[in-house]
Amino acid sequence: MTVKPLFPWDETLKFDHFSITLAPGALSESTPHAAGVIEHVVVISGELDMHIDGAWHTLVADSGVRFAGDKPHAYRNSSGQVAHFHSLIHYPR
C-alpha cells in the first residue's frame, strides 16, 4: 500500500485526504480510528474490496462508500491490476 497525502491533517476542518494505491493481491487491515470518525473511500481506477461491518464489498472505478471508521475495516485488491482510491477521513469536533 502506498499512501500519498492530498490534503494533510486540517485542524480547523477536522479531516485528512489521501491518494492510495494497493497492489494486486494485497490486503491492508486497519485498526479502528477514534470514536465518531467517518471514512469516505472512492475508487479512481481498478477494483477494491472493502471489509466493513463484517462483510466484503467490491467497489469499482467511480464508486465509493462511506462508513464508520471507528470499527475494524480492511482493504483488499483481489484483481490483477493496481487499485487506486482516495480516502477522506473526517474526525468529530
PDB file of N, CA and C in Angstrom:
ATOM      1  N   MET A   1       0.846  -1.172   0.000  1.00  0.00           N
ATOM      2  CA  MET A   1       0.000   0.000   0.000  1.00  0.00           C
ATOM      3  C   MET A   1       0.891   1.234   0.000  1.00  0.00           C
ATOM      4  N   THR A   2       0.595   2.134  -0.924  1.00  0.00           N
ATOM      5  CA  THR A   2       1.293   3.408  -0.982  1.00  0.00           C
ATOM      6  C   THR A   2       0.292   4.509  -0.689  1.00  0.00           C
ATOM      7  N   VAL A   3       0.609   5.341   0.296  1.00  0.00           N
ATOM      8  CA  VAL A   3      -0.300   6.412   0.724  1.00  0.00           C
ATOM      9  C   VAL A   3       0.365   7.759   0.490  1.00  0.00           C
ATOM     10  N   LYS A   4      -0.339   8.632  -0.235  1.00  0.00           N
ATOM     11  CA  LYS A   4       0.172   9.980  -0.514  1.00  0.00           C
ATOM     12  C   LYS A   4      -0.868  10.990  -0.022  1.00  0.00           C
ATOM     13  N   PRO A   5      -0.485  11.873   0.896  1.00  0.00           N
ATOM     14  CA  PRO A   5      -1.448  12.884   1.348  1.00  0.00           C
ATOM     15  C   PRO A   5      -1.788  13.864   0.226  1.00  0.00           C
ATOM     16  N   LEU A   6      -3.084  14.051  -0.021  1.00  0.00           N
ATOM     17  CA  LEU A   6      -3.531  15.082  -0.956  1.00  0.00           C
ATOM     18  C   LEU A   6      -3.781  16.374  -0.191  1.00  0.00           C
ATOM     19  N   PHE A   7      -4.444  16.251   0.947  1.00  0.00           N
ATOM     20  CA  PHE A   7      -4.663  17.349   1.869  1.00  0.00           C
ATOM     21  C   PHE A   7      -4.291  16.838   3.253  1.00  0.00           C
ATOM     22  N   PRO A   8      -3.185  17.290   3.812  1.00  0.00           N
ATOM     23  CA  PRO A   8      -2.784  16.801   5.134  1.00  0.00           C
ATOM     24  C   PRO A   8      -3.780  17.252   6.202  1.00  0.00           C
ATOM     25  N   TRP A   9      -3.610  16.715   7.388  1.00  0.00           N
ATOM     26  CA  TRP A   9      -4.495  16.996   8.511  1.00  0.00           C
ATOM     27  C   TRP A   9      -4.800  18.488   8.596  1.00  0.00           C
ATOM     28  N   ASP A  10      -6.094  18.805   8.687  1.00  0.00           N
ATOM     29  CA  ASP A  10      -6.546  20.182   8.816  1.00  0.00           C
ATOM     30  C   ASP A  10      -7.268  20.314  10.144  1.00  0.00           C
ATOM     31  N   GLU A  11      -6.659  21.007  11.086  1.00  0.00           N
ATOM     32  CA  GLU A  11      -7.206  21.139  12.438  1.00  0.00           C
ATOM     33  C   GLU A  11      -8.556  21.858  12.441  1.00  0.00           C
ATOM     34  N   THR A  12      -8.744  22.832  11.571  1.00  0.00           N
ATOM     35  CA  THR A  12      -9.997  23.582  11.532  1.00  0.00           C
ATOM     36  C   THR A  12     -11.136  22.738  10.971  1.00  0.00           C
ATOM     37  N   LEU A  13     -10.888  22.055   9.862  1.00  0.00           N
ATOM     38  CA  LEU A  13     -11.925  21.265   9.199  1.00  0.00           C
ATOM     39  C   LEU A  13     -12.017  19.831   9.708  1.00  0.00           C
ATOM     40  N   LYS A  14     -11.018  19.378  10.448  1.00  0.00           N
ATOM     41  CA  LYS A  14     -11.007  18.036  11.073  1.00  0.00           C
ATOM     42  C   LYS A  14     -11.051  16.895  10.050  1.00  0.00           C
ATOM     43  N   PHE A  15     -10.216  16.989   9.013  1.00  0.00           N
ATOM     44  CA  PHE A  15     -10.136  15.882   8.062  1.00  0.00           C
ATOM     45  C   PHE A  15      -8.738  15.813   7.459  1.00  0.00           C
ATOM     46  N   ASP A  16      -8.439  14.637   6.900  1.00  0.00           N
ATOM     47  CA  ASP A  16      -7.296  14.482   6.004  1.00  0.00           C
ATOM     48  C   ASP A  16      -7.760  13.667   4.815  1.00  0.00           C
ATOM     49  N   HIS A  17      -7.028  13.792   3.697  1.00  0.00           N
ATOM     50  CA  HIS A  17      -7.453  13.202   2.427  1.00  0.00           C
ATOM     51  C   HIS A  17      -6.223  12.586   1.768  1.00  0.00           C
ATOM     52  N   PHE A  18      -6.331  11.292   1.417  1.00  0.00           N
ATOM     53  CA  PHE A  18      -5.194  10.547   0.887  1.00  0.00           C
ATOM     54  C   PHE A  18      -5.499   9.953  -0.483  1.00  0.00           C
ATOM     55  N   SER A  19      -4.463   9.843  -1.311  1.00  0.00           N
ATOM     56  CA  SER A  19      -4.484   9.074  -2.552  1.00  0.00           C
ATOM     57  C   SER A  19      -3.714   7.790  -2.249  1.00  0.00           C
ATOM     58  N   ILE A  20      -4.351   6.639  -2.493  1.00  0.00           N
ATOM     59  CA  ILE A  20      -3.769   5.361  -2.083  1.00  0.00           C
ATOM     60  C   ILE A  20      -3.756   4.393  -3.257  1.00  0.00           C
ATOM     61  N   THR A  21      -2.666   3.637  -3.391  1.00  0.00           N
ATOM     62  CA  THR A  21      -2.619   2.531  -4.354  1.00  0.00           C
ATOM     63  C   THR A  21      -2.384   1.239  -3.585  1.00  0.00           C
ATOM     64  N   LEU A  22      -3.033   0.195  -4.082  1.00  0.00           N
ATOM     65  CA  LEU A  22      -2.931  -1.129  -3.473  1.00  0.00           C
ATOM     66  C   LEU A  22      -2.597  -2.128  -4.574  1.00  0.00           C
ATOM     67  N   ALA A  23      -1.491  -2.825  -4.421  1.00  0.00           N
ATOM     68  CA  ALA A  23      -1.019  -3.763  -5.440  1.00  0.00           C
ATOM     69  C   ALA A  23      -1.954  -4.970  -5.562  1.00  0.00           C
ATOM     70  N   PRO A  24      -1.933  -5.626  -6.728  1.00  0.00           N
ATOM     71  CA  PRO A  24      -2.734  -6.837  -6.892  1.00  0.00           C
ATOM     72  C   PRO A  24      -2.405  -7.854  -5.805  1.00  0.00           C
ATOM     73  N   GLY A  25      -3.448  -8.439  -5.218  1.00  0.00           N
ATOM     74  CA  GLY A  25      -3.278  -9.452  -4.188  1.00  0.00           C
ATOM     75  C   GLY A  25      -3.008  -8.907  -2.793  1.00  0.00           C
ATOM     76  N   ALA A  26      -2.880  -7.593  -2.643  1.00  0.00           N
ATOM     77  CA  ALA A  26      -2.542  -7.004  -1.341  1.00  0.00           C
ATOM     78  C   ALA A  26      -3.763  -6.897  -0.435  1.00  0.00           C
ATOM     79  N   LEU A  27      -3.495  -6.974   0.859  1.00  0.00           N
ATOM     80  CA  LEU A  27      -4.514  -6.809   1.892  1.00  0.00           C
ATOM     81  C   LEU A  27      -3.965  -5.862   2.942  1.00  0.00           C
ATOM     82  N   SER A  28      -4.770  -4.881   3.345  1.00  0.00           N
ATOM     83  CA  SER A  28      -4.380  -3.962   4.408  1.00  0.00           C
ATOM     84  C   SER A  28      -5.519  -3.894   5.417  1.00  0.00           C
ATOM     85  N   GLU A  29      -5.231  -4.304   6.640  1.00  0.00           N
ATOM     86  CA  GLU A  29      -6.233  -4.265   7.707  1.00  0.00           C
ATOM     87  C   GLU A  29      -6.004  -3.022   8.549  1.00  0.00           C
ATOM     88  N   SER A  30      -7.047  -2.269   8.788  1.00  0.00           N
ATOM     89  CA  SER A  30      -6.944  -1.020   9.528  1.00  0.00           C
ATOM     90  C   SER A  30      -7.510  -1.189  10.932  1.00  0.00           C
ATOM     91  N   THR A  31      -6.779  -0.695  11.896  1.00  0.00           N
ATOM     92  CA  THR A  31      -7.320  -0.669  13.249  1.00  0.00           C
ATOM     93  C   THR A  31      -8.353   0.451  13.307  1.00  0.00           C
ATOM     94  N   PRO A  32      -9.304   0.340  14.199  1.00  0.00           N
ATOM     95  CA  PRO A  32     -10.323   1.391  14.282  1.00  0.00           C
ATOM     96  C   PRO A  32      -9.717   2.752  14.602  1.00  0.00           C
ATOM     97  N   HIS A  33     -10.285   3.781  13.991  1.00  0.00           N
ATOM     98  CA  HIS A  33      -9.911   5.156  14.302  1.00  0.00           C
ATOM     99  C   HIS A  33     -10.629   5.559  15.594  1.00  0.00           C
ATOM    100  N   ALA A  34     -10.467   6.798  16.004  1.00  0.00           N
ATOM    101  CA  ALA A  34     -11.117   7.299  17.211  1.00  0.00           C
ATOM    102  C   ALA A  34     -12.645   7.267  17.056  1.00  0.00           C
ATOM    103  N   ALA A  35     -13.335   7.256  18.185  1.00  0.00           N
ATOM    104  CA  ALA A  35     -14.803   7.231  18.186  1.00  0.00           C
ATOM    105  C   ALA A  35     -15.364   8.388  17.369  1.00  0.00           C
ATOM    106  N   GLY A  36     -16.358   8.076  16.533  1.00  0.00           N
ATOM    107  CA  GLY A  36     -17.025   9.095  15.739  1.00  0.00           C
ATOM    108  C   GLY A  36     -16.415   9.398  14.392  1.00  0.00           C
ATOM    109  N   VAL A  37     -15.284   8.774  14.065  1.00  0.00           N
ATOM    110  CA  VAL A  37     -14.636   9.027  12.771  1.00  0.00           C
ATOM    111  C   VAL A  37     -15.464   8.418  11.636  1.00  0.00           C
ATOM    112  N   ILE A  38     -15.622   9.179  10.567  1.00  0.00           N
ATOM    113  CA  ILE A  38     -16.302   8.709   9.356  1.00  0.00           C
ATOM    114  C   ILE A  38     -15.272   8.696   8.232  1.00  0.00           C
ATOM    115  N   GLU A  39     -15.234   7.584   7.492  1.00  0.00           N
ATOM    116  CA  GLU A  39     -14.291   7.472   6.377  1.00  0.00           C
ATOM    117  C   GLU A  39     -15.065   7.370   5.069  1.00  0.00           C
ATOM    118  N   HIS A  40     -14.560   8.065   4.049  1.00  0.00           N
ATOM    119  CA  HIS A  40     -15.134   8.048   2.703  1.00  0.00           C
ATOM    120  C   HIS A  40     -14.071   7.477   1.772  1.00  0.00           C
ATOM    121  N   VAL A  41     -14.397   6.437   1.022  1.00  0.00           N
ATOM    122  CA  VAL A  41     -13.466   5.828   0.073  1.00  0.00           C
ATOM    123  C   VAL A  41     -14.088   5.886  -1.313  1.00  0.00           C
ATOM    124  N   VAL A  42     -13.323   6.412  -2.288  1.00  0.00           N
ATOM    125  CA  VAL A  42     -13.778   6.494  -3.679  1.00  0.00           C
ATOM    126  C   VAL A  42     -12.710   5.855  -4.561  1.00  0.00           C
ATOM    127  N   VAL A  43     -13.108   4.875  -5.361  1.00  0.00           N
ATOM    128  CA  VAL A  43     -12.167   4.183  -6.253  1.00  0.00           C
ATOM    129  C   VAL A  43     -11.980   5.018  -7.511  1.00  0.00           C
ATOM    130  N   ILE A  44     -10.720   5.286  -7.836  1.00  0.00           N
ATOM    131  CA  ILE A  44     -10.365   6.055  -9.032  1.00  0.00           C
ATOM    132  C   ILE A  44     -10.173   5.117 -10.219  1.00  0.00           C
ATOM    133  N   SER A  45      -9.425   4.015 -10.001  1.00  0.00           N
ATOM    134  CA  SER A  45      -9.228   3.020 -11.062  1.00  0.00           C
ATOM    135  C   SER A  45      -9.012   1.652 -10.434  1.00  0.00           C
ATOM    136  N   GLY A  46      -9.353   0.626 -11.208  1.00  0.00           N
ATOM    137  CA  GLY A  46      -9.232  -0.737 -10.713  1.00  0.00           C
ATOM    138  C   GLY A  46     -10.434  -1.125  -9.864  1.00  0.00           C
ATOM    139  N   GLU A  47     -10.250  -2.178  -9.057  1.00  0.00           N
ATOM    140  CA  GLU A  47     -11.295  -2.672  -8.161  1.00  0.00           C
ATOM    141  C   GLU A  47     -10.734  -2.783  -6.762  1.00  0.00           C
ATOM    142  N   LEU A  48     -11.577  -2.532  -5.779  1.00  0.00           N
ATOM    143  CA  LEU A  48     -11.167  -2.575  -4.384  1.00  0.00           C
ATOM    144  C   LEU A  48     -12.238  -3.302  -3.581  1.00  0.00           C
ATOM    145  N   ASP A  49     -11.827  -4.264  -2.784  1.00  0.00           N
ATOM    146  CA  ASP A  49     -12.723  -4.939  -1.849  1.00  0.00           C
ATOM    147  C   ASP A  49     -12.565  -4.273  -0.493  1.00  0.00           C
ATOM    148  N   MET A  50     -13.686  -3.923   0.136  1.00  0.00           N
ATOM    149  CA  MET A  50     -13.680  -3.309   1.462  1.00  0.00           C
ATOM    150  C   MET A  50     -14.384  -4.239   2.447  1.00  0.00           C
ATOM    151  N   HIS A  51     -13.749  -4.477   3.576  1.00  0.00           N
ATOM    152  CA  HIS A  51     -14.379  -5.258   4.646  1.00  0.00           C
ATOM    153  C   HIS A  51     -14.928  -4.265   5.665  1.00  0.00           C
ATOM    154  N   ILE A  52     -16.251  -4.181   5.712  1.00  0.00           N
ATOM    155  CA  ILE A  52     -16.950  -3.224   6.573  1.00  0.00           C
ATOM    156  C   ILE A  52     -18.095  -3.956   7.261  1.00  0.00           C
ATOM    157  N   ASP A  53     -18.220  -3.756   8.555  1.00  0.00           N
ATOM    158  CA  ASP A  53     -19.311  -4.378   9.325  1.00  0.00           C
ATOM    159  C   ASP A  53     -19.386  -5.882   9.104  1.00  0.00           C
ATOM    160  N   GLY A  54     -18.230  -6.533   9.012  1.00  0.00           N
ATOM    161  CA  GLY A  54     -18.178  -7.989   8.940  1.00  0.00           C
ATOM    162  C   GLY A  54     -18.405  -8.601   7.573  1.00  0.00           C
ATOM    163  N   ALA A  55     -18.512  -7.778   6.522  1.00  0.00           N
ATOM    164  CA  ALA A  55     -18.755  -8.314   5.174  1.00  0.00           C
ATOM    165  C   ALA A  55     -17.857  -7.613   4.159  1.00  0.00           C
ATOM    166  N   TRP A  56     -17.512  -8.352   3.090  1.00  0.00           N
ATOM    167  CA  TRP A  56     -16.722  -7.796   1.996  1.00  0.00           C
ATOM    168  C   TRP A  56     -17.651  -7.168   0.954  1.00  0.00           C
ATOM    169  N   HIS A  57     -17.254  -5.996   0.442  1.00  0.00           N
ATOM    170  CA  HIS A  57     -17.991  -5.279  -0.598  1.00  0.00           C
ATOM    171  C   HIS A  57     -16.990  -4.900  -1.679  1.00  0.00           C
ATOM    172  N   THR A  58     -17.333  -5.136  -2.945  1.00  0.00           N
ATOM    173  CA  THR A  58     -16.447  -4.794  -4.050  1.00  0.00           C
ATOM    174  C   THR A  58     -16.852  -3.453  -4.650  1.00  0.00           C
ATOM    175  N   LEU A  59     -15.867  -2.567  -4.757  1.00  0.00           N
ATOM    176  CA  LEU A  59     -16.066  -1.259  -5.368  1.00  0.00           C
ATOM    177  C   LEU A  59     -15.282  -1.208  -6.670  1.00  0.00           C
ATOM    178  N   VAL A  60     -15.850  -0.554  -7.670  1.00  0.00           N
ATOM    179  CA  VAL A  60     -15.186  -0.383  -8.962  1.00  0.00           C
ATOM    180  C   VAL A  60     -14.945   1.103  -9.184  1.00  0.00           C
ATOM    181  N   ALA A  61     -14.216   1.433 -10.234  1.00  0.00           N
ATOM    182  CA  ALA A  61     -13.916   2.837 -10.539  1.00  0.00           C
ATOM    183  C   ALA A  61     -15.198   3.666 -10.570  1.00  0.00           C
ATOM    184  N   ASP A  62     -15.092   4.877 -10.048  1.00  0.00           N
ATOM    185  CA  ASP A  62     -16.204   5.822  -9.973  1.00  0.00           C
ATOM    186  C   ASP A  62     -17.296   5.417  -8.992  1.00  0.00           C
ATOM    187  N   SER A  63     -16.953   4.556  -8.023  1.00  0.00           N
ATOM    188  CA  SER A  63     -17.907   4.233  -6.968  1.00  0.00           C
ATOM    189  C   SER A  63     -17.224   4.435  -5.618  1.00  0.00           C
ATOM    190  N   GLY A  64     -18.043   4.554  -4.601  1.00  0.00           N
ATOM    191  CA  GLY A  64     -17.473   4.811  -3.288  1.00  0.00           C
ATOM    192  C   GLY A  64     -18.364   4.305  -2.174  1.00  0.00           C
ATOM    193  N   VAL A  65     -17.845   4.451  -0.956  1.00  0.00           N
ATOM    194  CA  VAL A  65     -18.574   4.026   0.230  1.00  0.00           C
ATOM    195  C   VAL A  65     -18.201   4.950   1.383  1.00  0.00           C
ATOM    196  N   ARG A  66     -19.163   5.191   2.256  1.00  0.00           N
ATOM    197  CA  ARG A  66     -18.920   5.957   3.474  1.00  0.00           C
ATOM    198  C   ARG A  66     -19.260   5.031   4.637  1.00  0.00           C
ATOM    199  N   PHE A  67     -18.389   4.992   5.655  1.00  0.00           N
ATOM    200  CA  PHE A  67     -18.603   4.060   6.756  1.00  0.00           C
ATOM    201  C   PHE A  67     -18.006   4.597   8.053  1.00  0.00           C
ATOM    202  N   ALA A  68     -18.424   3.989   9.146  1.00  0.00           N
ATOM    203  CA  ALA A  68     -17.893   4.339  10.462  1.00  0.00           C
ATOM    204  C   ALA A  68     -16.463   3.811  10.557  1.00  0.00           C
ATOM    205  N   GLY A  69     -15.510   4.735  10.605  1.00  0.00           N
ATOM    206  CA  GLY A  69     -14.100   4.344  10.652  1.00  0.00           C
ATOM    207  C   GLY A  69     -13.631   3.946  12.041  1.00  0.00           C
ATOM    208  N   ASP A  70     -14.531   4.033  13.022  1.00  0.00           N
ATOM    209  CA  ASP A  70     -14.151   3.677  14.382  1.00  0.00           C
ATOM    210  C   ASP A  70     -14.395   2.204  14.690  1.00  0.00           C
ATOM    211  N   LYS A  71     -14.571   1.412  13.615  1.00  0.00           N
ATOM    212  CA  LYS A  71     -14.707  -0.043  13.723  1.00  0.00           C
ATOM    213  C   LYS A  71     -13.632  -0.677  12.845  1.00  0.00           C
ATOM    214  N   PRO A  72     -13.265  -1.928  13.125  1.00  0.00           N
ATOM    215  CA  PRO A  72     -12.265  -2.576  12.262  1.00  0.00           C
ATOM    216  C   PRO A  72     -12.739  -2.586  10.804  1.00  0.00           C
ATOM    217  N   HIS A  73     -11.799  -2.359   9.879  1.00  0.00           N
ATOM    218  CA  HIS A  73     -12.110  -2.403   8.452  1.00  0.00           C
ATOM    219  C   HIS A  73     -10.843  -2.798   7.700  1.00  0.00           C
ATOM    220  N   ALA A  74     -11.023  -3.235   6.452  1.00  0.00           N
ATOM    221  CA  ALA A  74      -9.868  -3.702   5.680  1.00  0.00           C
ATOM    222  C   ALA A  74     -10.066  -3.372   4.208  1.00  0.00           C
ATOM    223  N   TYR A  75      -8.928  -3.293   3.522  1.00  0.00           N
ATOM    224  CA  TYR A  75      -8.866  -3.014   2.086  1.00  0.00           C
ATOM    225  C   TYR A  75      -8.165  -4.204   1.431  1.00  0.00           C
ATOM    226  N   ARG A  76      -8.732  -4.712   0.335  1.00  0.00           N
ATOM    227  CA  ARG A  76      -8.121  -5.853  -0.363  1.00  0.00           C
ATOM    228  C   ARG A  76      -8.236  -5.632  -1.859  1.00  0.00           C
ATOM    229  N   ASN A  77      -7.152  -5.983  -2.562  1.00  0.00           N
ATOM    230  CA  ASN A  77      -7.176  -5.941  -4.021  1.00  0.00           C
ATOM    231  C   ASN A  77      -7.076  -7.377  -4.521  1.00  0.00           C
ATOM    232  N   SER A  78      -8.204  -7.948  -4.903  1.00  0.00           N
ATOM    233  CA  SER A  78      -8.202  -9.329  -5.397  1.00  0.00           C
ATOM    234  C   SER A  78      -8.143  -9.386  -6.923  1.00  0.00           C
ATOM    235  N   SER A  79      -7.935  -8.240  -7.555  1.00  0.00           N
ATOM    236  CA  SER A  79      -7.849  -8.201  -9.019  1.00  0.00           C
ATOM    237  C   SER A  79      -6.394  -8.353  -9.466  1.00  0.00           C
ATOM    238  N   GLY A  80      -6.193  -8.339 -10.758  1.00  0.00           N
ATOM    239  CA  GLY A  80      -4.857  -8.467 -11.327  1.00  0.00           C
ATOM    240  C   GLY A  80      -4.206  -7.138 -11.674  1.00  0.00           C
ATOM    241  N   GLN A  81      -4.852  -6.021 -11.301  1.00  0.00           N
ATOM    242  CA  GLN A  81      -4.275  -4.705 -11.597  1.00  0.00           C
ATOM    243  C   GLN A  81      -4.285  -3.837 -10.345  1.00  0.00           C
ATOM    244  N   VAL A  82      -3.469  -2.814 -10.358  1.00  0.00           N
ATOM    245  CA  VAL A  82      -3.368  -1.909  -9.215  1.00  0.00           C
ATOM    246  C   VAL A  82      -4.712  -1.228  -8.977  1.00  0.00           C
ATOM    247  N   ALA A  83      -5.094  -1.120  -7.706  1.00  0.00           N
ATOM    248  CA  ALA A  83      -6.287  -0.359  -7.318  1.00  0.00           C
ATOM    249  C   ALA A  83      -5.830   1.010  -6.830  1.00  0.00           C
ATOM    250  N   HIS A  84      -6.433   2.052  -7.353  1.00  0.00           N
ATOM    251  CA  HIS A  84      -6.130   3.424  -6.936  1.00  0.00           C
ATOM    252  C   HIS A  84      -7.413   4.014  -6.352  1.00  0.00           C
ATOM    253  N   PHE A  85      -7.327   4.525  -5.128  1.00  0.00           N
ATOM    254  CA  PHE A  85      -8.513   5.097  -4.498  1.00  0.00           C
ATOM    255  C   PHE A  85      -8.139   6.274  -3.617  1.00  0.00           C
ATOM    256  N   HIS A  86      -9.144   7.082  -3.286  1.00  0.00           N
ATOM    257  CA  HIS A  86      -8.978   8.195  -2.364  1.00  0.00           C
ATOM    258  C   HIS A  86      -9.695   7.862  -1.065  1.00  0.00           C
ATOM    259  N   SER A  87      -9.102   8.278   0.033  1.00  0.00           N
ATOM    260  CA  SER A  87      -9.712   8.107   1.348  1.00  0.00           C
ATOM    261  C   SER A  87      -9.740   9.453   2.047  1.00  0.00           C
ATOM    262  N   LEU A  88     -10.942   9.891   2.393  1.00  0.00           N
ATOM    263  CA  LEU A  88     -11.116  11.110   3.167  1.00  0.00           C
ATOM    264  C   LEU A  88     -11.583  10.677   4.550  1.00  0.00           C
ATOM    265  N   ILE A  89     -10.837  11.060   5.558  1.00  0.00           N
ATOM    266  CA  ILE A  89     -11.155  10.675   6.932  1.00  0.00           C
ATOM    267  C   ILE A  89     -11.584  11.927   7.688  1.00  0.00           C
ATOM    268  N   HIS A  90     -12.818  11.891   8.190  1.00  0.00           N
ATOM    269  CA  HIS A  90     -13.391  13.040   8.898  1.00  0.00           C
ATOM    270  C   HIS A  90     -13.502  12.706  10.385  1.00  0.00           C
ATOM    271  N   TYR A  91     -12.946  13.580  11.202  1.00  0.00           N
ATOM    272  CA  TYR A  91     -12.920  13.389  12.654  1.00  0.00           C
ATOM    273  C   TYR A  91     -13.966  14.287  13.315  1.00  0.00           C
ATOM    274  N   PRO A  92     -14.621  13.790  14.360  1.00  0.00           N
ATOM    275  CA  PRO A  92     -15.651  14.618  15.009  1.00  0.00           C
ATOM    276  C   PRO A  92     -15.027  15.819  15.718  1.00  0.00           C
ATOM    277  N   ARG A  93     -15.816  16.842  15.913  1.00  0.00           N
ATOM    278  CA  ARG A  93     -15.350  18.050  16.627  1.00  0.00           C
ATOM    279  C   ARG A  93     -15.475  17.850  18.110  1.00  0.00           C
TER     280      ARG A  93
END
